[in-house]
Amino acid sequence: MKATPQMIRKRVVIVSVEILIALIQLFKGGSNYKGPYPGFVNGYLFDVLVPFGFYFLLCLNEFSLLRYWIVKSVLVFGASSLVEIAQLFGVPIFGQTFDPVDFIMYGIGVILAAILDTTVFPRIFEFWAPEAGLCSCNTEVRGL
């Protein structure tokens, strides 16, 4: 399937979001952040940003089931939770320490991404057109 101008614009927005997340990690300086709110930044910021970023990566897929924000939300939260549960049982996937607060942070990241996807981005970008409030990241033309 040939990429439409709307699809290309959407990809630019998604890649920009992912680059922003990477830059935040780069400038944060790993786990040695000493600026404002070091406890939150070192302990939880990326527990919010990683699910947020993965949600939007799913928007790049043209698989019709992934157009629904609820499907993307459940997949991302489920995968993040499985990683955390693995840490509980001593499997070091993306970290080694189990923290139940991480589940809340994953939820916040997914909810923020879903809000941007279904409410904010459609108001900012004409090409970001959710269907009937249930679907998002579709390729329908709503206008240039």
N, C-alpha and C. Protein backbone atom coordinates (compact mmCIF):
# COMPACT_ATOMS: atom_id res chain seq x y z
N MET A 1 0.84 -1.17 0.00
CA MET A 1 0.00 0.00 0.00
C MET A 1 0.89 1.24 0.00
N LYS A 2 0.58 2.16 -0.89
CA LYS A 2 1.37 3.37 -1.01
C LYS A 2 1.01 4.34 0.11
N ALA A 3 2.02 4.97 0.67
CA ALA A 3 1.80 5.92 1.76
C ALA A 3 1.16 7.19 1.23
N THR A 4 0.06 7.58 1.86
CA THR A 4 -0.62 8.82 1.49
C THR A 4 0.05 9.97 2.22
N PRO A 5 -0.20 11.21 1.78
CA PRO A 5 0.36 12.36 2.50
C PRO A 5 -0.04 12.38 3.97
N GLN A 6 -1.27 11.95 4.27
CA GLN A 6 -1.72 11.92 5.65
C GLN A 6 -0.91 10.92 6.48
N MET A 7 -0.64 9.74 5.89
CA MET A 7 0.15 8.73 6.59
C MET A 7 1.57 9.23 6.83
N ILE A 8 2.14 9.89 5.86
CA ILE A 8 3.50 10.42 5.99
C ILE A 8 3.55 11.47 7.10
N ARG A 9 2.57 12.36 7.13
CA ARG A 9 2.53 13.38 8.18
C ARG A 9 2.38 12.74 9.56
N LYS A 10 1.55 11.75 9.65
CA LYS A 10 1.35 11.06 10.93
C LYS A 10 2.65 10.39 11.38
N ARG A 11 3.36 9.79 10.44
CA ARG A 11 4.64 9.15 10.78
C ARG A 11 5.65 10.19 11.27
N VAL A 12 5.65 11.36 10.66
CA VAL A 12 6.56 12.43 11.10
C VAL A 12 6.26 12.82 12.54
N VAL A 13 4.99 12.95 12.88
CA VAL A 13 4.60 13.29 14.26
C VAL A 13 5.04 12.19 15.22
N ILE A 14 4.79 10.94 14.86
CA ILE A 14 5.14 9.82 15.74
C ILE A 14 6.64 9.72 15.93
N VAL A 15 7.40 9.83 14.85
CA VAL A 15 8.86 9.77 14.96
C VAL A 15 9.36 10.94 15.80
N SER A 16 8.75 12.10 15.67
CA SER A 16 9.14 13.26 16.49
C SER A 16 8.91 12.99 17.97
N VAL A 17 7.79 12.36 18.30
CA VAL A 17 7.50 11.99 19.69
C VAL A 17 8.58 11.04 20.21
N GLU A 18 8.92 10.05 19.41
CA GLU A 18 9.93 9.06 19.82
C GLU A 18 11.30 9.72 20.00
N ILE A 19 11.65 10.63 19.11
CA ILE A 19 12.94 11.33 19.22
C ILE A 19 12.95 12.19 20.48
N LEU A 20 11.85 12.84 20.80
CA LEU A 20 11.76 13.64 22.01
C LEU A 20 11.98 12.78 23.26
N ILE A 21 11.39 11.60 23.29
CA ILE A 21 11.59 10.69 24.42
C ILE A 21 13.06 10.29 24.53
N ALA A 22 13.68 9.98 23.40
CA ALA A 22 15.09 9.61 23.40
C ALA A 22 15.97 10.77 23.88
N LEU A 23 15.66 11.98 23.45
CA LEU A 23 16.43 13.15 23.89
C LEU A 23 16.28 13.40 25.39
N ILE A 24 15.09 13.18 25.91
CA ILE A 24 14.90 13.34 27.35
C ILE A 24 15.80 12.35 28.09
N GLN A 25 15.86 11.12 27.63
CA GLN A 25 16.74 10.12 28.27
C GLN A 25 18.20 10.54 28.15
N LEU A 26 18.58 11.03 27.00
CA LEU A 26 19.96 11.43 26.77
C LEU A 26 20.37 12.58 27.69
N PHE A 27 19.53 13.60 27.76
CA PHE A 27 19.87 14.77 28.57
C PHE A 27 19.65 14.55 30.06
N LYS A 28 18.86 13.58 30.41
CA LYS A 28 18.63 13.25 31.81
C LYS A 28 19.91 12.68 32.44
N GLY A 29 20.72 12.05 31.63
CA GLY A 29 22.00 11.53 32.12
C GLY A 29 21.89 10.21 32.83
N GLY A 30 21.02 9.34 32.39
CA GLY A 30 20.89 8.03 33.03
C GLY A 30 20.22 8.14 34.39
N SER A 31 20.69 7.36 35.35
CA SER A 31 20.06 7.36 36.68
C SER A 31 20.76 8.32 37.64
N ASN A 32 21.61 9.20 37.13
CA ASN A 32 22.35 10.14 37.97
C ASN A 32 21.78 11.55 37.91
N TYR A 33 20.54 11.69 37.56
CA TYR A 33 19.90 13.00 37.46
C TYR A 33 19.89 13.67 38.83
N LYS A 34 20.32 14.94 38.87
CA LYS A 34 20.41 15.67 40.14
C LYS A 34 19.56 16.93 40.16
N GLY A 35 18.77 17.17 39.09
CA GLY A 35 17.97 18.39 39.00
C GLY A 35 16.71 18.30 39.86
N PRO A 36 15.69 19.10 39.49
CA PRO A 36 14.44 19.09 40.25
C PRO A 36 13.76 17.71 40.20
N TYR A 37 13.18 17.32 41.30
CA TYR A 37 12.43 16.05 41.43
C TYR A 37 13.27 14.83 41.05
N PRO A 38 14.46 14.68 41.58
CA PRO A 38 15.31 13.55 41.18
C PRO A 38 14.68 12.19 41.50
N GLY A 39 13.93 12.10 42.59
CA GLY A 39 13.29 10.82 42.92
C GLY A 39 12.32 10.36 41.86
N PHE A 40 11.50 11.29 41.37
CA PHE A 40 10.55 10.96 40.31
C PHE A 40 11.26 10.69 38.99
N VAL A 41 12.18 11.58 38.62
CA VAL A 41 12.86 11.46 37.33
C VAL A 41 13.66 10.17 37.26
N ASN A 42 14.44 9.87 38.31
CA ASN A 42 15.27 8.66 38.31
C ASN A 42 14.44 7.39 38.47
N GLY A 43 13.34 7.47 39.23
CA GLY A 43 12.60 6.27 39.54
C GLY A 43 11.41 5.98 38.65
N TYR A 44 10.74 7.05 38.13
CA TYR A 44 9.46 6.80 37.48
C TYR A 44 9.25 7.47 36.13
N LEU A 45 10.04 8.45 35.77
CA LEU A 45 9.78 9.18 34.53
C LEU A 45 9.70 8.24 33.32
N PHE A 46 10.63 7.33 33.22
CA PHE A 46 10.61 6.45 32.05
C PHE A 46 9.59 5.34 32.17
N ASP A 47 9.07 5.12 33.36
CA ASP A 47 7.94 4.20 33.49
C ASP A 47 6.68 4.84 32.92
N VAL A 48 6.67 6.16 32.77
CA VAL A 48 5.58 6.87 32.11
C VAL A 48 5.88 7.01 30.62
N LEU A 49 7.11 7.41 30.28
CA LEU A 49 7.45 7.72 28.90
C LEU A 49 7.57 6.50 27.98
N VAL A 50 8.04 5.37 28.49
CA VAL A 50 8.21 4.20 27.62
C VAL A 50 6.87 3.66 27.14
N PRO A 51 5.88 3.43 28.01
CA PRO A 51 4.58 3.01 27.48
C PRO A 51 3.95 4.06 26.56
N PHE A 52 4.15 5.34 26.89
CA PHE A 52 3.68 6.43 26.04
C PHE A 52 4.25 6.28 24.63
N GLY A 53 5.56 6.06 24.56
CA GLY A 53 6.22 5.90 23.26
C GLY A 53 5.79 4.65 22.53
N PHE A 54 5.66 3.54 23.24
CA PHE A 54 5.23 2.30 22.60
C PHE A 54 3.81 2.41 22.05
N TYR A 55 2.95 3.12 22.75
CA TYR A 55 1.59 3.34 22.25
C TYR A 55 1.65 3.97 20.86
N PHE A 56 2.47 5.01 20.72
CA PHE A 56 2.53 5.69 19.43
C PHE A 56 3.26 4.87 18.38
N LEU A 57 4.17 4.00 18.78
CA LEU A 57 4.79 3.10 17.80
C LEU A 57 3.74 2.18 17.19
N LEU A 58 2.75 1.79 17.98
CA LEU A 58 1.67 0.95 17.44
C LEU A 58 0.83 1.72 16.43
N CYS A 59 0.85 3.03 16.48
CA CYS A 59 0.12 3.84 15.51
C CYS A 59 0.76 3.76 14.12
N LEU A 60 2.00 3.34 14.04
CA LEU A 60 2.66 3.21 12.75
C LEU A 60 2.17 2.00 11.98
N ASN A 61 1.60 1.03 12.67
CA ASN A 61 1.13 -0.20 12.07
C ASN A 61 -0.19 0.03 11.34
N GLU A 62 -0.35 -0.59 10.21
CA GLU A 62 -1.58 -0.45 9.42
C GLU A 62 -2.58 -1.57 9.72
N PHE A 63 -2.29 -2.44 10.67
CA PHE A 63 -3.20 -3.52 11.04
C PHE A 63 -4.49 -2.92 11.60
N SER A 64 -5.62 -3.27 11.04
CA SER A 64 -6.88 -2.59 11.36
C SER A 64 -7.27 -2.68 12.83
N LEU A 65 -6.96 -3.76 13.51
CA LEU A 65 -7.32 -3.88 14.92
C LEU A 65 -6.57 -2.86 15.78
N LEU A 66 -5.38 -2.48 15.37
CA LEU A 66 -4.58 -1.52 16.13
C LEU A 66 -5.01 -0.07 15.92
N ARG A 67 -6.07 0.14 15.14
CA ARG A 67 -6.60 1.50 15.00
C ARG A 67 -7.37 1.91 16.24
N TYR A 68 -7.84 0.95 17.01
CA TYR A 68 -8.63 1.25 18.20
C TYR A 68 -7.72 1.60 19.37
N TRP A 69 -7.95 2.74 19.98
CA TRP A 69 -7.10 3.20 21.08
C TRP A 69 -7.14 2.23 22.25
N ILE A 70 -8.28 1.61 22.48
CA ILE A 70 -8.38 0.70 23.62
C ILE A 70 -7.52 -0.55 23.40
N VAL A 71 -7.42 -1.01 22.17
CA VAL A 71 -6.58 -2.18 21.87
C VAL A 71 -5.12 -1.83 22.10
N LYS A 72 -4.70 -0.68 21.59
CA LYS A 72 -3.31 -0.26 21.80
C LYS A 72 -3.03 -0.09 23.29
N SER A 73 -3.97 0.50 24.02
CA SER A 73 -3.78 0.73 25.45
C SER A 73 -3.61 -0.58 26.21
N VAL A 74 -4.46 -1.53 25.93
CA VAL A 74 -4.39 -2.82 26.63
C VAL A 74 -3.10 -3.55 26.28
N LEU A 75 -2.71 -3.54 25.01
CA LEU A 75 -1.46 -4.21 24.61
C LEU A 75 -0.25 -3.60 25.30
N VAL A 76 -0.17 -2.28 25.30
CA VAL A 76 1.00 -1.62 25.89
C VAL A 76 1.02 -1.81 27.40
N PHE A 77 -0.12 -1.59 28.06
CA PHE A 77 -0.15 -1.77 29.51
C PHE A 77 0.11 -3.23 29.88
N GLY A 78 -0.44 -4.16 29.11
CA GLY A 78 -0.21 -5.58 29.37
C GLY A 78 1.25 -5.97 29.23
N ALA A 79 1.89 -5.51 28.16
CA ALA A 79 3.30 -5.84 27.95
C ALA A 79 4.17 -5.22 29.04
N SER A 80 3.88 -3.98 29.41
CA SER A 80 4.64 -3.32 30.47
C SER A 80 4.46 -4.06 31.80
N SER A 81 3.25 -4.47 32.07
CA SER A 81 2.96 -5.19 33.32
C SER A 81 3.65 -6.55 33.35
N LEU A 82 3.69 -7.23 32.20
CA LEU A 82 4.39 -8.52 32.16
C LEU A 82 5.87 -8.37 32.47
N VAL A 83 6.47 -7.29 31.98
CA VAL A 83 7.88 -7.03 32.28
C VAL A 83 8.06 -6.82 33.78
N GLU A 84 7.16 -6.06 34.39
CA GLU A 84 7.26 -5.80 35.83
C GLU A 84 7.05 -7.08 36.64
N ILE A 85 6.11 -7.90 36.22
CA ILE A 85 5.87 -9.17 36.91
C ILE A 85 7.08 -10.09 36.77
N ALA A 86 7.71 -10.08 35.61
CA ALA A 86 8.93 -10.88 35.43
C ALA A 86 10.01 -10.43 36.41
N GLN A 87 10.10 -9.13 36.64
CA GLN A 87 11.08 -8.63 37.61
C GLN A 87 10.75 -9.12 39.02
N LEU A 88 9.47 -9.24 39.33
CA LEU A 88 9.06 -9.77 40.63
C LEU A 88 9.61 -11.17 40.85
N PHE A 89 9.68 -11.96 39.77
CA PHE A 89 10.17 -13.32 39.86
C PHE A 89 11.65 -13.44 39.54
N GLY A 90 12.36 -12.32 39.54
CA GLY A 90 13.81 -12.34 39.39
C GLY A 90 14.32 -12.35 37.96
N VAL A 91 13.46 -12.15 36.98
CA VAL A 91 13.89 -12.11 35.59
C VAL A 91 14.19 -10.64 35.24
N PRO A 92 15.46 -10.31 34.99
CA PRO A 92 15.85 -8.91 34.76
C PRO A 92 15.56 -8.43 33.33
N ILE A 93 14.33 -8.06 33.05
CA ILE A 93 13.95 -7.52 31.75
C ILE A 93 13.76 -6.02 31.93
N PHE A 94 14.58 -5.23 31.26
CA PHE A 94 14.52 -3.76 31.35
C PHE A 94 14.62 -3.26 32.79
N GLY A 95 15.32 -3.95 33.60
CA GLY A 95 15.48 -3.56 35.00
C GLY A 95 15.50 -4.81 35.88
N GLN A 96 15.81 -4.60 37.15
CA GLN A 96 15.91 -5.74 38.04
C GLN A 96 15.05 -5.62 39.28
N THR A 97 14.49 -4.45 39.52
CA THR A 97 13.79 -4.21 40.78
C THR A 97 12.29 -4.12 40.54
N PHE A 98 11.54 -4.96 41.23
CA PHE A 98 10.09 -4.90 41.16
C PHE A 98 9.61 -3.72 42.02
N ASP A 99 8.72 -2.91 41.47
CA ASP A 99 8.13 -1.80 42.19
C ASP A 99 6.66 -1.71 41.79
N PRO A 100 5.74 -1.97 42.71
CA PRO A 100 4.32 -1.94 42.35
C PRO A 100 3.84 -0.57 41.87
N VAL A 101 4.53 0.50 42.24
CA VAL A 101 4.16 1.83 41.76
C VAL A 101 4.37 1.94 40.25
N ASP A 102 5.25 1.12 39.71
CA ASP A 102 5.48 1.13 38.26
C ASP A 102 4.19 0.86 37.49
N PHE A 103 3.31 0.02 38.01
CA PHE A 103 2.04 -0.25 37.33
C PHE A 103 1.22 1.04 37.17
N ILE A 104 1.23 1.87 38.18
CA ILE A 104 0.51 3.15 38.12
C ILE A 104 1.16 4.05 37.06
N MET A 105 2.48 4.07 37.04
CA MET A 105 3.19 4.90 36.06
C MET A 105 2.93 4.41 34.64
N TYR A 106 2.88 3.08 34.44
CA TYR A 106 2.55 2.55 33.11
C TYR A 106 1.16 3.00 32.70
N GLY A 107 0.23 2.93 33.64
CA GLY A 107 -1.14 3.37 33.35
C GLY A 107 -1.20 4.84 32.99
N ILE A 108 -0.46 5.67 33.72
CA ILE A 108 -0.44 7.11 33.42
C ILE A 108 0.12 7.34 32.02
N GLY A 109 1.20 6.64 31.66
CA GLY A 109 1.77 6.80 30.33
C GLY A 109 0.81 6.40 29.23
N VAL A 110 0.12 5.29 29.41
CA VAL A 110 -0.84 4.83 28.41
C VAL A 110 -2.03 5.78 28.31
N ILE A 111 -2.52 6.24 29.45
CA ILE A 111 -3.67 7.16 29.45
C ILE A 111 -3.30 8.47 28.77
N LEU A 112 -2.12 9.00 29.08
CA LEU A 112 -1.69 10.25 28.43
C LEU A 112 -1.58 10.07 26.91
N ALA A 113 -1.03 8.95 26.48
CA ALA A 113 -0.90 8.69 25.04
C ALA A 113 -2.28 8.57 24.39
N ALA A 114 -3.20 7.87 25.03
CA ALA A 114 -4.54 7.71 24.47
C ALA A 114 -5.26 9.05 24.39
N ILE A 115 -5.08 9.90 25.39
CA ILE A 115 -5.71 11.23 25.36
C ILE A 115 -5.14 12.06 24.22
N LEU A 116 -3.82 12.04 24.05
CA LEU A 116 -3.23 12.77 22.93
C LEU A 116 -3.73 12.22 21.60
N ASP A 117 -3.78 10.90 21.50
CA ASP A 117 -4.19 10.23 20.27
C ASP A 117 -5.64 10.52 19.91
N THR A 118 -6.53 10.49 20.87
CA THR A 118 -7.96 10.59 20.56
C THR A 118 -8.54 11.99 20.73
N THR A 119 -7.90 12.85 21.49
CA THR A 119 -8.48 14.15 21.78
C THR A 119 -7.61 15.32 21.32
N VAL A 120 -6.35 15.31 21.68
CA VAL A 120 -5.48 16.46 21.42
C VAL A 120 -5.00 16.50 19.97
N PHE A 121 -4.39 15.41 19.49
CA PHE A 121 -3.84 15.42 18.14
C PHE A 121 -4.90 15.67 17.06
N PRO A 122 -6.11 15.11 17.17
CA PRO A 122 -7.11 15.43 16.14
C PRO A 122 -7.48 16.92 16.08
N ARG A 123 -7.32 17.63 17.18
CA ARG A 123 -7.61 19.06 17.20
C ARG A 123 -6.44 19.88 16.63
N ILE A 124 -5.24 19.35 16.75
CA ILE A 124 -4.06 20.06 16.27
C ILE A 124 -3.77 19.74 14.81
N PHE A 125 -3.88 18.47 14.46
CA PHE A 125 -3.52 17.99 13.12
C PHE A 125 -4.77 17.51 12.39
N GLU A 126 -5.03 18.09 11.22
CA GLU A 126 -6.20 17.68 10.43
C GLU A 126 -6.13 16.21 10.02
N PHE A 127 -4.94 15.71 9.79
CA PHE A 127 -4.77 14.35 9.30
C PHE A 127 -4.92 13.30 10.40
N TRP A 128 -5.02 13.71 11.64
CA TRP A 128 -5.15 12.77 12.76
C TRP A 128 -6.63 12.66 13.08
N ALA A 129 -7.29 11.70 12.46
CA ALA A 129 -8.75 11.65 12.52
C ALA A 129 -9.27 10.35 13.14
N PRO A 130 -9.58 10.35 14.43
CA PRO A 130 -10.18 9.15 15.02
C PRO A 130 -11.60 8.96 14.50
N GLU A 131 -12.00 7.70 14.33
CA GLU A 131 -13.34 7.39 13.85
C GLU A 131 -14.30 7.26 15.02
N ALA A 132 -15.32 8.05 15.04
CA ALA A 132 -16.40 7.97 16.04
C ALA A 132 -15.90 7.92 17.47
N GLY A 133 -14.72 8.51 17.72
CA GLY A 133 -14.19 8.55 19.07
C GLY A 133 -13.61 7.23 19.55
N LEU A 134 -13.73 6.16 18.75
CA LEU A 134 -13.24 4.86 19.18
C LEU A 134 -11.93 4.49 18.51
N CYS A 135 -11.74 4.95 17.30
CA CYS A 135 -10.55 4.58 16.54
C CYS A 135 -9.59 5.76 16.47
N SER A 136 -8.34 5.44 16.27
CA SER A 136 -7.36 6.49 16.08
C SER A 136 -6.29 5.98 15.14
N CYS A 137 -5.46 6.87 14.75
CA CYS A 137 -4.32 6.52 13.89
C CYS A 137 -4.77 5.90 12.58
N ASN A 138 -5.96 6.24 12.09
CA ASN A 138 -6.41 5.64 10.84
C ASN A 138 -5.84 6.41 9.67
N THR A 139 -6.09 5.91 8.48
CA THR A 139 -5.51 6.53 7.30
C THR A 139 -6.57 7.21 6.45
N GLU A 140 -7.75 7.41 6.98
CA GLU A 140 -8.79 8.08 6.23
C GLU A 140 -8.44 9.55 6.04
N VAL A 141 -8.88 10.10 4.93
CA VAL A 141 -8.62 11.50 4.65
C VAL A 141 -9.73 12.34 5.28
N ARG A 142 -9.35 13.21 6.18
CA ARG A 142 -10.31 14.14 6.77
C ARG A 142 -10.06 15.54 6.23
N GLY A 143 -9.02 15.71 5.56
CA GLY A 143 -8.71 17.02 4.99
C GLY A 143 -7.22 17.26 5.01
N LEU A 144 -6.75 18.10 4.12
CA LEU A 144 -5.32 18.42 4.10
C LEU A 144 -5.18 19.71 4.76
